[in-house]
Protein backbone atom coordinates (compact mmCIF):
# COMPACT_ATOMS: atom_id res chain seq x y z
CA MET A 1 -0.01 -0.11 -0.09
CA LEU A 2 1.17 3.45 -1.01
CA LYS A 3 2.03 5.93 1.91
CA ARG A 4 -0.75 8.29 0.59
CA HIS A 5 -3.16 5.61 0.62
CA VAL A 6 -2.15 4.47 4.20
CA GLU A 7 -2.91 8.24 5.12
CA GLN A 8 -6.36 8.28 3.48
CA VAL A 9 -7.36 5.04 5.39
CA TRP A 10 -6.16 6.77 8.59
CA THR A 11 -8.15 10.15 7.52
CA ARG A 12 -11.23 7.93 7.26
CA LEU A 13 -10.79 6.19 10.47
CA ASP A 14 -10.16 9.49 12.12
CA GLU A 15 -13.48 10.76 10.57
CA LEU A 16 -15.27 7.79 11.97
CA TYR A 17 -13.91 8.42 15.33
CA ALA A 18 -14.55 12.04 15.53
CA ASN A 19 -17.93 12.06 13.59
CA GLY A 20 -19.37 8.68 14.29
CA THR A 21 -19.39 8.07 10.42
CA THR A 22 -17.47 7.71 7.20
CA PHE A 23 -17.94 6.29 3.84
CA MET A 24 -15.35 4.22 1.81
CA SER A 25 -16.19 3.53 -1.89
CA TRP A 26 -15.56 0.13 -3.53
CA GLY A 27 -13.08 2.12 -6.03
CA GLU A 28 -10.87 3.40 -3.15
CA ILE A 29 -10.66 -0.09 -1.52
CA TYR A 30 -9.50 -1.96 -4.70
CA HIS A 31 -7.21 1.04 -5.50
CA TRP A 32 -5.92 1.47 -1.86
CA TYR A 33 -5.02 -2.30 -1.50
CA LYS A 34 -4.09 -3.00 -4.87
CA VAL A 35 -6.72 -5.91 -5.16
CA GLU A 36 -8.85 -7.31 -8.10
CA ARG A 37 -11.42 -8.84 -5.51
CA ILE A 38 -11.94 -7.44 -2.05
CA SER A 39 -11.50 -10.32 0.19
CA LYS A 40 -10.82 -10.54 4.10
CA THR A 41 -7.42 -8.93 3.77
CA PRO A 42 -8.51 -5.04 3.54
CA TRP A 43 -11.00 -5.70 6.12
CA ARG A 44 -8.84 -7.35 8.61
CA ASP A 45 -6.26 -4.40 7.88
CA ILE A 46 -9.09 -1.66 8.43
CA LYS A 47 -10.07 -3.45 11.78
CA ALA A 48 -6.37 -3.50 12.92
CA ARG A 49 -5.94 0.13 12.45
CA TRP A 50 -9.49 1.00 13.87
CA ASP A 51 -8.24 -1.32 16.82
CA GLU A 52 -4.94 0.80 17.12
CA LEU A 53 -6.85 4.08 16.78
CA LEU A 54 -9.21 3.28 20.00
CA GLU A 55 -5.99 2.05 22.13
CA GLU A 56 -4.35 5.32 21.10
CA LYS A 57 -7.47 7.25 22.36
CA GLY A 58 -7.84 4.93 25.56
CA GLU A 59 -11.14 3.73 24.48
CA GLU A 60 -12.17 0.20 25.12
CA PRO A 61 -12.36 -2.19 21.72
CA SER A 62 -15.31 -1.58 19.69
CA ASP A 63 -16.74 -3.02 16.55
CA PRO A 64 -17.97 -0.43 13.97
CA TYR A 65 -21.38 -1.03 12.37
CA VAL A 66 -21.21 -1.31 8.40
CA ALA A 67 -23.73 -1.16 5.75
CA GLN A 68 -23.42 -1.50 2.30
CA VAL A 69 -24.79 1.30 0.30
CA GLY A 70 -24.47 2.72 -3.14
CA GLY A 71 -21.00 2.52 -4.36
CA GLY A 72 -19.32 1.22 -1.29
CA ILE A 73 -19.58 0.96 2.85
CA SER A 74 -20.49 3.32 5.36
CA LEU A 75 -19.33 2.63 8.90
CA PHE A 76 -20.76 3.83 11.90
CA PHE A 77 -19.24 4.26 15.57
CA ALA A 78 -21.43 5.28 18.57
CA ARG A 79 -20.46 5.05 22.42
CA LYS A 80 -23.94 4.81 23.40
CA PRO A 81 -26.13 3.87 20.45
CA SER A 82 -29.88 3.99 20.24
CA ARG A 83 -32.72 3.61 17.90
CA LEU A 84 -34.51 6.43 15.83
CA SER A 85 -37.85 4.99 17.38
CA SER A 86 -36.72 5.76 20.88
CA LEU A 87 -36.10 9.28 19.88
CA ALA A 88 -39.77 9.57 18.79
CA LYS A 89 -41.15 8.51 21.77
């Protein structure tokens, strides 16, 4: 992985931590990891970097939610997740 791609992955993970959400397009993942098929390798790398970020921040390990959306994946991180319906009560 090129240094600038490493930085782009870290930027997305910082965004996830700071804002609670980020998006990674399929094209970016293919490009960053130089793969023809997205297997477990990119996901394991992203998860390892996420765990490292949480450790640096003194946070407990947490597994972000992921959702496949048009053109890629959205990741979601919340310390105290709740449902929309609970806000509507």
